[in-house]
Amino acid sequence: LRGQVLKVLHEGHLGLHRLREAAKSAVWWPGIDRDLVAITQTCIPCNQHAPRKPDGVSRQERPDPAAPWDRVHMDLFELEGQQFLVIIDAFSNWIHVEHMPSATATNVINCLKALMSTFGLFGAVVSDNGPPFNSTQFKEYLSSRGVQFLPAAPYNPQSNGRAEAAVHQAKQGLRKVACDFPNLSWKDRLLHFMATQHAAPS
């Protein structure tokens, strides 16, 4: 039974810290911490896609916001020829990843419309100043909704460190899901990744 519980807890490949937090709120037995460490260390997807150690570059981060959705960070990334948009709430670290047909301003705006219809208007959006975020269409949409646009510092991608970290988290998570479920479609891989992310403590 313990093996089955460990398998369920570890299904999202969340890393040891978040695995411990998830276990703490659900189960306990003598030696559970040793078992959590063991399942993490022996997991092939976790070892294949382990995060790299920080390179020592300091991140020029903005101060923490006072409430959820006061400020979100966003970025686009590509994985195995597929385009994705990642958005992370700077207050809660709640992450959203959207599979994009293409990286256009229209598609990014449609994603923002859906999120803001659910969670309310964002106070500010931080992104790099490349396409499609530097487009007039994108900036005018944010302005029309009263959302402040905060472009990251040019030539310094670290100034949008939260989005960079979220991109890394999403890429690693999706690769791990692909290792566990190689026959899943991208849509189902993404749904699985999002479900495990939102079920675990952030």
N, C-alpha and C. Protein backbone atom coordinates (compact mmCIF):
# COMPACT_ATOMS: atom_id res chain seq x y z
N LEU A 1 0.83 -1.21 0.00
CA LEU A 1 0.00 0.00 0.00
C LEU A 1 0.87 1.27 0.00
N ARG A 2 1.97 1.24 0.77
CA ARG A 2 2.85 2.41 0.81
C ARG A 2 3.42 2.72 -0.57
N GLY A 3 3.79 1.67 -1.30
CA GLY A 3 4.32 1.86 -2.65
C GLY A 3 3.32 2.55 -3.56
N GLN A 4 2.04 2.16 -3.44
CA GLN A 4 1.00 2.78 -4.26
C GLN A 4 0.81 4.25 -3.88
N VAL A 5 0.83 4.53 -2.58
CA VAL A 5 0.68 5.92 -2.11
C VAL A 5 1.85 6.77 -2.62
N LEU A 6 3.06 6.24 -2.52
CA LEU A 6 4.23 6.97 -3.00
C LEU A 6 4.13 7.24 -4.50
N LYS A 7 3.65 6.25 -5.23
CA LYS A 7 3.52 6.42 -6.68
C LYS A 7 2.54 7.54 -7.02
N VAL A 8 1.41 7.58 -6.30
CA VAL A 8 0.41 8.63 -6.54
C VAL A 8 0.98 10.00 -6.16
N LEU A 9 1.64 10.08 -5.00
CA LEU A 9 2.20 11.36 -4.56
C LEU A 9 3.25 11.88 -5.54
N HIS A 10 4.02 10.96 -6.11
CA HIS A 10 5.15 11.35 -6.96
C HIS A 10 4.75 11.51 -8.43
N GLU A 11 3.48 11.28 -8.73
CA GLU A 11 3.05 11.24 -10.13
C GLU A 11 3.42 12.49 -10.92
N GLY A 12 3.38 13.65 -10.28
CA GLY A 12 3.68 14.89 -11.00
C GLY A 12 5.15 15.25 -11.05
N HIS A 13 6.03 14.42 -10.45
CA HIS A 13 7.48 14.67 -10.44
C HIS A 13 7.76 16.10 -9.95
N LEU A 14 7.25 16.42 -8.76
CA LEU A 14 7.26 17.79 -8.27
C LEU A 14 8.56 18.20 -7.61
N GLY A 15 9.46 17.27 -7.38
CA GLY A 15 10.67 17.58 -6.63
C GLY A 15 10.47 17.24 -5.17
N LEU A 16 11.58 17.03 -4.46
CA LEU A 16 11.51 16.53 -3.09
C LEU A 16 10.78 17.48 -2.14
N HIS A 17 11.05 18.78 -2.24
CA HIS A 17 10.42 19.73 -1.31
C HIS A 17 8.90 19.71 -1.43
N ARG A 18 8.39 19.82 -2.67
CA ARG A 18 6.94 19.83 -2.85
C ARG A 18 6.33 18.47 -2.58
N LEU A 19 7.08 17.41 -2.84
CA LEU A 19 6.60 16.06 -2.52
C LEU A 19 6.41 15.92 -1.02
N ARG A 20 7.37 16.42 -0.25
CA ARG A 20 7.25 16.38 1.22
C ARG A 20 6.03 17.17 1.68
N GLU A 21 5.81 18.34 1.09
CA GLU A 21 4.66 19.17 1.48
C GLU A 21 3.35 18.46 1.16
N ALA A 22 3.28 17.84 -0.01
CA ALA A 22 2.06 17.11 -0.40
C ALA A 22 1.82 15.94 0.54
N ALA A 23 2.87 15.21 0.88
CA ALA A 23 2.73 14.06 1.78
C ALA A 23 2.30 14.50 3.17
N LYS A 24 2.87 15.62 3.63
CA LYS A 24 2.58 16.13 4.97
C LYS A 24 1.09 16.37 5.17
N SER A 25 0.41 16.80 4.11
CA SER A 25 -1.01 17.12 4.23
C SER A 25 -1.91 15.90 4.01
N ALA A 26 -1.31 14.75 3.69
CA ALA A 26 -2.15 13.60 3.34
C ALA A 26 -1.85 12.33 4.12
N VAL A 27 -0.60 11.98 4.32
CA VAL A 27 -0.26 10.68 4.92
C VAL A 27 0.96 10.79 5.82
N TRP A 28 1.14 9.75 6.64
CA TRP A 28 2.36 9.64 7.44
C TRP A 28 2.56 8.18 7.81
N TRP A 29 3.81 7.74 7.87
CA TRP A 29 4.19 6.46 8.45
C TRP A 29 5.66 6.57 8.87
N PRO A 30 6.10 5.72 9.76
CA PRO A 30 7.51 5.78 10.19
C PRO A 30 8.44 5.60 8.99
N GLY A 31 9.39 6.50 8.84
CA GLY A 31 10.35 6.40 7.74
C GLY A 31 9.86 6.96 6.43
N ILE A 32 8.75 7.72 6.45
CA ILE A 32 8.20 8.23 5.19
C ILE A 32 9.18 9.16 4.48
N ASP A 33 9.93 9.96 5.26
CA ASP A 33 10.86 10.89 4.61
C ASP A 33 11.93 10.13 3.83
N ARG A 34 12.43 9.05 4.40
CA ARG A 34 13.42 8.22 3.72
C ARG A 34 12.83 7.67 2.42
N ASP A 35 11.56 7.25 2.46
CA ASP A 35 10.90 6.71 1.27
C ASP A 35 10.71 7.79 0.20
N LEU A 36 10.39 9.01 0.64
CA LEU A 36 10.22 10.11 -0.32
C LEU A 36 11.54 10.44 -1.00
N VAL A 37 12.61 10.46 -0.23
CA VAL A 37 13.94 10.72 -0.80
C VAL A 37 14.29 9.62 -1.80
N ALA A 38 14.03 8.37 -1.43
CA ALA A 38 14.39 7.24 -2.29
C ALA A 38 13.63 7.27 -3.61
N ILE A 39 12.32 7.55 -3.56
CA ILE A 39 11.55 7.53 -4.81
C ILE A 39 11.98 8.67 -5.72
N THR A 40 12.38 9.79 -5.13
CA THR A 40 12.86 10.91 -5.94
C THR A 40 14.21 10.61 -6.56
N GLN A 41 15.10 10.01 -5.78
CA GLN A 41 16.46 9.74 -6.28
C GLN A 41 16.50 8.62 -7.31
N THR A 42 15.54 7.70 -7.25
CA THR A 42 15.55 6.56 -8.18
C THR A 42 14.63 6.75 -9.38
N CYS A 43 13.96 7.90 -9.45
CA CYS A 43 13.01 8.15 -10.54
C CYS A 43 13.79 8.53 -11.81
N ILE A 44 13.61 7.75 -12.87
CA ILE A 44 14.34 8.00 -14.12
C ILE A 44 13.98 9.35 -14.74
N PRO A 45 12.68 9.69 -14.91
CA PRO A 45 12.37 11.01 -15.48
C PRO A 45 12.91 12.16 -14.64
N CYS A 46 12.85 12.05 -13.31
CA CYS A 46 13.38 13.13 -12.46
C CYS A 46 14.88 13.30 -12.65
N ASN A 47 15.59 12.20 -12.78
CA ASN A 47 17.04 12.29 -12.95
C ASN A 47 17.42 12.75 -14.36
N GLN A 48 16.65 12.32 -15.36
CA GLN A 48 16.95 12.74 -16.73
C GLN A 48 16.72 14.23 -16.93
N HIS A 49 15.71 14.76 -16.23
CA HIS A 49 15.31 16.15 -16.46
C HIS A 49 15.46 17.00 -15.21
N ALA A 50 16.47 16.68 -14.41
CA ALA A 50 16.71 17.45 -13.18
C ALA A 50 17.13 18.87 -13.53
N PRO A 51 16.67 19.86 -12.74
CA PRO A 51 17.06 21.25 -13.03
C PRO A 51 18.55 21.45 -12.85
N ARG A 52 19.10 22.31 -13.69
CA ARG A 52 20.51 22.66 -13.55
C ARG A 52 20.69 23.56 -12.35
N LYS A 53 21.90 23.54 -11.80
CA LYS A 53 22.19 24.43 -10.67
C LYS A 53 22.27 25.86 -11.17
N PRO A 54 21.89 26.83 -10.31
CA PRO A 54 21.95 28.23 -10.73
C PRO A 54 23.35 28.62 -11.19
N ASP A 55 23.41 29.53 -12.16
CA ASP A 55 24.70 29.92 -12.72
C ASP A 55 25.34 31.08 -11.98
N GLY A 56 24.70 31.53 -10.93
CA GLY A 56 25.27 32.61 -10.12
C GLY A 56 24.92 33.99 -10.62
N VAL A 57 24.17 34.09 -11.71
CA VAL A 57 23.78 35.41 -12.21
C VAL A 57 22.68 35.95 -11.32
N SER A 58 22.84 37.16 -10.85
CA SER A 58 21.82 37.72 -9.96
C SER A 58 20.60 38.13 -10.76
N ARG A 59 19.43 37.90 -10.21
CA ARG A 59 18.20 38.25 -10.88
C ARG A 59 17.71 39.60 -10.36
N GLN A 60 17.39 40.49 -11.27
CA GLN A 60 16.87 41.78 -10.88
C GLN A 60 15.36 41.64 -10.78
N GLU A 61 14.89 41.19 -9.64
CA GLU A 61 13.46 40.95 -9.46
C GLU A 61 12.76 42.17 -8.90
N ARG A 62 11.48 42.26 -9.18
CA ARG A 62 10.65 43.32 -8.66
C ARG A 62 10.15 42.91 -7.28
N PRO A 63 9.71 43.86 -6.45
CA PRO A 63 9.20 43.49 -5.13
C PRO A 63 7.96 42.62 -5.23
N ASP A 64 7.71 41.83 -4.20
CA ASP A 64 6.54 40.96 -4.20
C ASP A 64 5.26 41.79 -4.19
N PRO A 65 4.26 41.37 -4.97
CA PRO A 65 2.98 42.10 -4.97
C PRO A 65 2.19 41.83 -3.70
N ALA A 66 1.15 42.63 -3.48
CA ALA A 66 0.37 42.54 -2.24
C ALA A 66 -0.78 41.55 -2.33
N ALA A 67 -1.19 41.18 -3.54
CA ALA A 67 -2.38 40.32 -3.69
C ALA A 67 -2.26 39.49 -4.97
N PRO A 68 -3.05 38.40 -5.04
CA PRO A 68 -3.05 37.59 -6.26
C PRO A 68 -3.42 38.42 -7.49
N TRP A 69 -2.75 38.14 -8.58
CA TRP A 69 -2.99 38.74 -9.89
C TRP A 69 -2.67 40.23 -9.95
N ASP A 70 -2.00 40.76 -8.91
CA ASP A 70 -1.51 42.14 -9.00
C ASP A 70 -0.48 42.25 -10.12
N ARG A 71 0.32 41.20 -10.26
CA ARG A 71 1.35 41.21 -11.31
C ARG A 71 1.57 39.78 -11.79
N VAL A 72 1.57 39.60 -13.10
CA VAL A 72 1.90 38.30 -13.68
C VAL A 72 3.12 38.46 -14.58
N HIS A 73 3.87 37.39 -14.70
CA HIS A 73 5.03 37.35 -15.60
C HIS A 73 4.71 36.33 -16.68
N MET A 74 5.09 36.63 -17.90
CA MET A 74 4.77 35.71 -18.99
C MET A 74 5.90 35.61 -19.99
N ASP A 75 5.90 34.48 -20.69
CA ASP A 75 6.91 34.25 -21.73
C ASP A 75 6.42 33.15 -22.65
N LEU A 76 6.98 33.11 -23.83
CA LEU A 76 6.70 32.04 -24.79
C LEU A 76 7.87 31.07 -24.81
N PHE A 77 7.58 29.81 -25.07
CA PHE A 77 8.67 28.85 -25.27
C PHE A 77 8.24 27.79 -26.26
N GLU A 78 9.24 27.13 -26.82
CA GLU A 78 9.00 26.06 -27.79
C GLU A 78 9.55 24.77 -27.22
N LEU A 79 8.80 23.69 -27.41
CA LEU A 79 9.24 22.37 -26.97
C LEU A 79 8.84 21.36 -28.03
N GLU A 80 9.82 20.70 -28.60
CA GLU A 80 9.59 19.69 -29.64
C GLU A 80 8.69 20.22 -30.75
N GLY A 81 8.96 21.44 -31.18
CA GLY A 81 8.22 22.04 -32.29
C GLY A 81 6.86 22.61 -31.92
N GLN A 82 6.49 22.55 -30.65
CA GLN A 82 5.20 23.06 -30.19
C GLN A 82 5.41 24.39 -29.46
N GLN A 83 4.47 25.33 -29.65
CA GLN A 83 4.56 26.64 -29.01
C GLN A 83 3.69 26.68 -27.74
N PHE A 84 4.23 27.29 -26.70
CA PHE A 84 3.51 27.40 -25.43
C PHE A 84 3.66 28.82 -24.87
N LEU A 85 2.64 29.24 -24.15
CA LEU A 85 2.68 30.49 -23.39
C LEU A 85 2.62 30.12 -21.92
N VAL A 86 3.55 30.65 -21.12
CA VAL A 86 3.52 30.40 -19.68
C VAL A 86 3.24 31.72 -18.97
N ILE A 87 2.35 31.65 -17.99
CA ILE A 87 2.00 32.82 -17.17
C ILE A 87 2.11 32.39 -15.72
N ILE A 88 2.78 33.21 -14.90
CA ILE A 88 2.90 32.89 -13.48
C ILE A 88 2.49 34.10 -12.65
N ASP A 89 1.63 33.86 -11.66
CA ASP A 89 1.21 34.91 -10.74
C ASP A 89 2.33 35.15 -9.74
N ALA A 90 2.81 36.38 -9.66
CA ALA A 90 3.96 36.69 -8.80
C ALA A 90 3.63 36.59 -7.32
N PHE A 91 2.35 36.65 -6.95
CA PHE A 91 1.97 36.57 -5.53
C PHE A 91 1.94 35.12 -5.05
N SER A 92 1.27 34.26 -5.80
CA SER A 92 1.03 32.88 -5.34
C SER A 92 1.93 31.85 -6.02
N ASN A 93 2.64 32.25 -7.08
CA ASN A 93 3.41 31.32 -7.92
C ASN A 93 2.52 30.32 -8.65
N TRP A 94 1.25 30.62 -8.78
CA TRP A 94 0.32 29.78 -9.55
C TRP A 94 0.72 29.90 -11.01
N ILE A 95 0.86 28.76 -11.66
CA ILE A 95 1.38 28.73 -13.03
C ILE A 95 0.29 28.27 -13.99
N HIS A 96 0.25 28.91 -15.16
CA HIS A 96 -0.66 28.49 -16.22
C HIS A 96 0.16 28.34 -17.50
N VAL A 97 -0.05 27.24 -18.19
CA VAL A 97 0.64 27.01 -19.46
C VAL A 97 -0.42 26.75 -20.52
N GLU A 98 -0.29 27.45 -21.63
CA GLU A 98 -1.25 27.33 -22.73
C GLU A 98 -0.53 26.84 -23.98
N HIS A 99 -1.08 25.82 -24.62
CA HIS A 99 -0.56 25.33 -25.90
C HIS A 99 -1.06 26.28 -26.98
N MET A 100 -0.16 26.87 -27.75
CA MET A 100 -0.52 27.90 -28.71
C MET A 100 -0.42 27.36 -30.14
N PRO A 101 -1.42 27.62 -30.98
CA PRO A 101 -1.28 27.22 -32.38
C PRO A 101 -0.12 27.94 -33.06
N SER A 102 0.10 29.20 -32.66
CA SER A 102 1.26 29.97 -33.13
C SER A 102 1.47 31.13 -32.16
N ALA A 103 2.67 31.67 -32.15
CA ALA A 103 3.03 32.70 -31.18
C ALA A 103 2.68 34.09 -31.71
N THR A 104 1.38 34.37 -31.82
CA THR A 104 0.93 35.67 -32.32
C THR A 104 0.31 36.48 -31.19
N ALA A 105 0.23 37.79 -31.40
CA ALA A 105 -0.40 38.66 -30.41
C ALA A 105 -1.86 38.27 -30.20
N THR A 106 -2.55 37.91 -31.27
CA THR A 106 -3.96 37.52 -31.15
C THR A 106 -4.13 36.31 -30.25
N ASN A 107 -3.28 35.31 -30.41
CA ASN A 107 -3.39 34.11 -29.57
C ASN A 107 -3.04 34.40 -28.12
N VAL A 108 -2.04 35.24 -27.89
CA VAL A 108 -1.70 35.62 -26.51
C VAL A 108 -2.86 36.39 -25.88
N ILE A 109 -3.43 37.32 -26.61
CA ILE A 109 -4.56 38.11 -26.11
C ILE A 109 -5.74 37.20 -25.78
N ASN A 110 -6.04 36.24 -26.64
CA ASN A 110 -7.15 35.32 -26.37
C ASN A 110 -6.93 34.54 -25.09
N CYS A 111 -5.69 34.14 -24.83
CA CYS A 111 -5.37 33.44 -23.59
C CYS A 111 -5.59 34.36 -22.39
N LEU A 112 -5.13 35.61 -22.49
CA LEU A 112 -5.32 36.56 -21.40
C LEU A 112 -6.80 36.84 -21.15
N LYS A 113 -7.58 36.95 -22.21
CA LYS A 113 -9.02 37.18 -22.05
C LYS A 113 -9.65 36.05 -21.25
N ALA A 114 -9.29 34.81 -21.57
CA ALA A 114 -9.86 33.66 -20.86
C ALA A 114 -9.45 33.66 -19.39
N LEU A 115 -8.18 33.92 -19.12
CA LEU A 115 -7.71 33.92 -17.73
C LEU A 115 -8.33 35.05 -16.93
N MET A 116 -8.40 36.25 -17.52
CA MET A 116 -8.94 37.39 -16.77
C MET A 116 -10.45 37.29 -16.61
N SER A 117 -11.12 36.55 -17.48
CA SER A 117 -12.56 36.33 -17.27
C SER A 117 -12.80 35.39 -16.09
N THR A 118 -11.80 34.58 -15.75
CA THR A 118 -11.91 33.66 -14.62
C THR A 118 -11.40 34.28 -13.33
N PHE A 119 -10.24 34.94 -13.38
CA PHE A 119 -9.56 35.40 -12.16
C PHE A 119 -9.67 36.90 -11.93
N GLY A 120 -10.20 37.64 -12.88
CA GLY A 120 -10.24 39.10 -12.76
C GLY A 120 -9.06 39.73 -13.46
N LEU A 121 -9.13 41.04 -13.60
CA LEU A 121 -8.08 41.76 -14.33
C LEU A 121 -6.75 41.70 -13.59
N PHE A 122 -5.68 41.54 -14.34
CA PHE A 122 -4.35 41.61 -13.77
C PHE A 122 -4.01 43.08 -13.52
N GLY A 123 -3.17 43.33 -12.52
CA GLY A 123 -2.71 44.69 -12.30
C GLY A 123 -1.63 45.08 -13.30
N ALA A 124 -0.72 44.16 -13.55
CA ALA A 124 0.40 44.44 -14.46
C ALA A 124 0.88 43.14 -15.08
N VAL A 125 1.43 43.26 -16.27
CA VAL A 125 2.02 42.13 -17.00
C VAL A 125 3.48 42.44 -17.27
N VAL A 126 4.35 41.51 -16.88
CA VAL A 126 5.79 41.63 -17.16
C VAL A 126 6.13 40.61 -18.24
N SER A 127 6.80 41.07 -19.29
CA SER A 127 7.26 40.15 -20.33
C SER A 127 8.51 40.74 -20.96
N ASP A 128 9.16 39.95 -21.80
CA ASP A 128 10.26 40.54 -22.57
C ASP A 128 9.66 41.49 -23.60
N ASN A 129 10.49 42.18 -24.31
CA ASN A 129 9.99 43.18 -25.25
C ASN A 129 10.09 42.70 -26.69
N GLY A 130 10.10 41.37 -26.85
CA GLY A 130 10.15 40.80 -28.19
C GLY A 130 8.75 40.49 -28.69
N PRO A 131 8.65 40.05 -29.95
CA PRO A 131 7.34 39.69 -30.48
C PRO A 131 6.78 38.47 -29.76
N PRO A 132 5.48 38.42 -29.53
CA PRO A 132 4.46 39.40 -29.92
C PRO A 132 4.19 40.46 -28.86
N PHE A 133 4.97 40.45 -27.76
CA PHE A 133 4.68 41.36 -26.65
C PHE A 133 4.97 42.82 -26.99
N ASN A 134 5.82 43.07 -27.97
CA ASN A 134 6.14 44.44 -28.35
C ASN A 134 5.20 44.98 -29.41
N SER A 135 4.17 44.21 -29.77
CA SER A 135 3.26 44.64 -30.83
C SER A 135 2.29 45.70 -30.31
N THR A 136 1.87 46.59 -31.19
CA THR A 136 0.88 47.61 -30.85
C THR A 136 -0.42 46.94 -30.41
N GLN A 137 -0.80 45.87 -31.08
CA GLN A 137 -2.04 45.16 -30.75
C GLN A 137 -2.04 44.69 -29.30
N PHE A 138 -0.93 44.09 -28.86
CA PHE A 138 -0.83 43.57 -27.49
C PHE A 138 -0.87 44.71 -26.48
N LYS A 139 -0.08 45.76 -26.73
CA LYS A 139 -0.03 46.89 -25.80
C LYS A 139 -1.37 47.60 -25.71
N GLU A 140 -2.03 47.77 -26.85
CA GLU A 140 -3.33 48.45 -26.84
C GLU A 140 -4.38 47.62 -26.11
N TYR A 141 -4.31 46.30 -26.23
CA TYR A 141 -5.26 45.46 -25.50
C TYR A 141 -5.07 45.64 -24.00
N LEU A 142 -3.83 45.56 -23.52
CA LEU A 142 -3.59 45.73 -22.09
C LEU A 142 -4.06 47.10 -21.62
N SER A 143 -3.74 48.13 -22.38
CA SER A 143 -4.15 49.49 -22.02
C SER A 143 -5.67 49.62 -21.95
N SER A 144 -6.36 48.99 -22.90
CA SER A 144 -7.83 49.07 -22.92
C SER A 144 -8.47 48.40 -21.71
N ARG A 145 -7.75 47.47 -21.10
CA ARG A 145 -8.27 46.77 -19.91
C ARG A 145 -7.72 47.37 -18.62
N GLY A 146 -6.91 48.41 -18.73
CA GLY A 146 -6.34 49.04 -17.55
C GLY A 146 -5.22 48.25 -16.91
N VAL A 147 -4.57 47.39 -17.71
CA VAL A 147 -3.48 46.56 -17.21
C VAL A 147 -2.15 47.21 -17.61
N GLN A 148 -1.28 47.41 -16.64
CA GLN A 148 0.02 48.04 -16.90
C GLN A 148 0.96 47.04 -17.58
N PHE A 149 1.68 47.51 -18.59
CA PHE A 149 2.68 46.67 -19.25
C PHE A 149 4.06 47.05 -18.74
N LEU A 150 4.78 46.07 -18.20
CA LEU A 150 6.12 46.30 -17.65
C LEU A 150 7.12 45.45 -18.43
N PRO A 151 7.71 46.00 -19.48
CA PRO A 151 8.67 45.21 -20.25
C PRO A 151 9.93 44.94 -19.44
N ALA A 152 10.47 43.75 -19.59
CA ALA A 152 11.73 43.41 -18.93
C ALA A 152 12.85 44.23 -19.54
N ALA A 153 13.91 44.42 -18.78
CA ALA A 153 15.03 45.24 -19.25
C ALA A 153 15.65 44.62 -20.50
N PRO A 154 15.87 45.41 -21.55
CA PRO A 154 16.50 44.87 -22.76
C PRO A 154 17.87 44.30 -22.46
N TYR A 155 18.24 43.25 -23.18
CA TYR A 155 19.54 42.58 -23.06
C TYR A 155 19.78 41.98 -21.67
N ASN A 156 18.70 41.87 -20.88
CA ASN A 156 18.86 41.28 -19.55
C ASN A 156 17.66 40.38 -19.26
N PRO A 157 17.65 39.17 -19.83
CA PRO A 157 16.50 38.28 -19.63
C PRO A 157 16.28 37.93 -18.17
N GLN A 158 17.31 38.07 -17.33
CA GLN A 158 17.15 37.75 -15.91
C GLN A 158 16.18 38.71 -15.23
N SER A 159 15.90 39.87 -15.84
CA SER A 159 14.98 40.81 -15.21
C SER A 159 13.55 40.29 -15.25
N ASN A 160 13.30 39.23 -15.98
CA ASN A 160 12.00 38.56 -15.94
C ASN A 160 12.22 37.14 -15.42
N GLY A 161 12.94 37.06 -14.30
CA GLY A 161 13.36 35.77 -13.75
C GLY A 161 12.22 34.84 -13.39
N ARG A 162 11.09 35.40 -12.95
CA ARG A 162 9.95 34.52 -12.59
C ARG A 162 9.44 33.77 -13.81
N ALA A 163 9.34 34.48 -14.93
CA ALA A 163 8.87 33.81 -16.15
C ALA A 163 9.89 32.79 -16.62
N GLU A 164 11.17 33.13 -16.53
CA GLU A 164 12.22 32.18 -16.92
C GLU A 164 12.13 30.90 -16.09
N ALA A 165 11.94 31.07 -14.78
CA ALA A 165 11.83 29.91 -13.90
C ALA A 165 10.59 29.09 -14.23
N ALA A 166 9.48 29.77 -14.56
CA ALA A 166 8.25 29.07 -14.91
C ALA A 166 8.40 28.30 -16.21
N VAL A 167 9.11 28.90 -17.18
CA VAL A 167 9.38 28.20 -18.45
C VAL A 167 10.17 26.93 -18.18
N HIS A 168 11.21 27.05 -17.36
CA HIS A 168 12.04 25.89 -17.03
C HIS A 168 11.19 24.81 -16.35
N GLN A 169 10.36 25.23 -15.39
CA GLN A 169 9.49 24.29 -14.68
C GLN A 169 8.54 23.58 -15.64
N ALA A 170 7.95 24.34 -16.55
CA ALA A 170 7.01 23.76 -17.50
C ALA A 170 7.70 22.79 -18.46
N LYS A 171 8.85 23.17 -18.97
CA LYS A 171 9.57 22.28 -19.89
C LYS A 171 9.94 20.97 -19.20
N GLN A 172 10.50 21.08 -18.00
CA GLN A 172 10.89 19.86 -17.28
C GLN A 172 9.67 19.01 -16.96
N GLY A 173 8.60 19.66 -16.52
CA GLY A 173 7.39 18.91 -16.18
C GLY A 173 6.79 18.19 -17.38
N LEU A 174 6.72 18.87 -18.51
CA LEU A 174 6.16 18.25 -19.71
C LEU A 174 7.04 17.11 -20.21
N ARG A 175 8.35 17.26 -20.09
CA ARG A 175 9.24 16.17 -20.50
C ARG A 175 9.06 14.95 -19.60
N LYS A 176 8.87 15.19 -18.31
CA LYS A 176 8.67 14.07 -17.37
C LYS A 176 7.35 13.36 -17.65
N VAL A 177 6.29 14.13 -17.95
CA VAL A 177 5.01 13.51 -18.31
C VAL A 177 5.18 12.67 -19.56
N ALA A 178 5.94 13.19 -20.54
CA ALA A 178 6.17 12.43 -21.78
C ALA A 178 6.91 11.13 -21.50
N CYS A 179 7.82 11.14 -20.52
CA CYS A 179 8.53 9.90 -20.15
C CYS A 179 7.56 8.88 -19.57
N ASP A 180 6.66 9.36 -18.71
CA ASP A 180 5.70 8.46 -18.07
C ASP A 180 4.60 7.99 -19.02
N PHE A 181 4.16 8.90 -19.89
CA PHE A 181 3.03 8.61 -20.78
C PHE A 181 3.38 9.01 -22.21
N PRO A 182 4.23 8.24 -22.88
CA PRO A 182 4.73 8.64 -24.20
C PRO A 182 3.65 8.71 -25.28
N ASN A 183 2.52 8.06 -25.07
CA ASN A 183 1.48 8.05 -26.10
C ASN A 183 0.45 9.16 -25.94
N LEU A 184 0.57 9.97 -24.90
CA LEU A 184 -0.39 11.06 -24.70
C LEU A 184 -0.21 12.15 -25.75
N SER A 185 -1.30 12.77 -26.14
CA SER A 185 -1.23 13.94 -27.01
C SER A 185 -0.66 15.11 -26.22
N TRP A 186 -0.25 16.17 -26.92
CA TRP A 186 0.26 17.35 -26.23
C TRP A 186 -0.81 17.94 -25.32
N LYS A 187 -2.05 17.93 -25.78
CA LYS A 187 -3.14 18.48 -24.96
C LYS A 187 -3.25 17.71 -23.65
N ASP A 188 -3.20 16.38 -23.72
CA ASP A 188 -3.34 15.57 -22.52
C ASP A 188 -2.09 15.64 -21.64
N ARG A 189 -0.91 15.76 -22.25
CA ARG A 189 0.31 15.96 -21.44
C ARG A 189 0.20 17.25 -20.63
N LEU A 190 -0.28 18.29 -21.31
CA LEU A 190 -0.40 19.59 -20.64
C LEU A 190 -1.44 19.53 -19.53
N LEU A 191 -2.57 18.88 -19.78
CA LEU A 191 -3.61 18.75 -18.74
C LEU A 191 -3.07 17.99 -17.54
N HIS A 192 -2.30 16.93 -17.79
CA HIS A 192 -1.72 16.15 -16.69
C HIS A 192 -0.73 17.01 -15.89
N PHE A 193 0.13 17.72 -16.59
CA PHE A 193 1.11 18.59 -15.92
C PHE A 193 0.41 19.64 -15.08
N MET A 194 -0.60 20.31 -15.65
CA MET A 194 -1.29 21.37 -14.92
C MET A 194 -2.02 20.82 -13.70
N ALA A 195 -2.64 19.66 -13.84
CA ALA A 195 -3.37 19.07 -12.71
C ALA A 195 -2.44 18.78 -11.55
N THR A 196 -1.28 18.21 -11.84
CA THR A 196 -0.36 17.89 -10.74
C THR A 196 0.25 19.15 -10.14
N GLN A 197 0.50 20.16 -10.96
CA GLN A 197 1.03 21.43 -10.44
C GLN A 197 0.05 22.10 -9.49
N HIS A 198 -1.21 22.11 -9.87
CA HIS A 198 -2.21 22.82 -9.06
C HIS A 198 -2.68 22.02 -7.86
N ALA A 199 -2.43 20.72 -7.86
CA ALA A 199 -2.82 19.89 -6.71
C ALA A 199 -1.80 19.93 -5.59
N ALA A 200 -0.58 20.31 -5.91
CA ALA A 200 0.51 20.28 -4.92
C ALA A 200 0.74 21.67 -4.34
N PRO A 201 1.25 21.74 -3.11
CA PRO A 201 1.58 23.05 -2.53
C PRO A 201 2.63 23.75 -3.37
N SER A 202 2.48 25.08 -3.54
CA SER A 202 3.46 25.82 -4.36
C SER A 202 4.56 26.39 -3.49
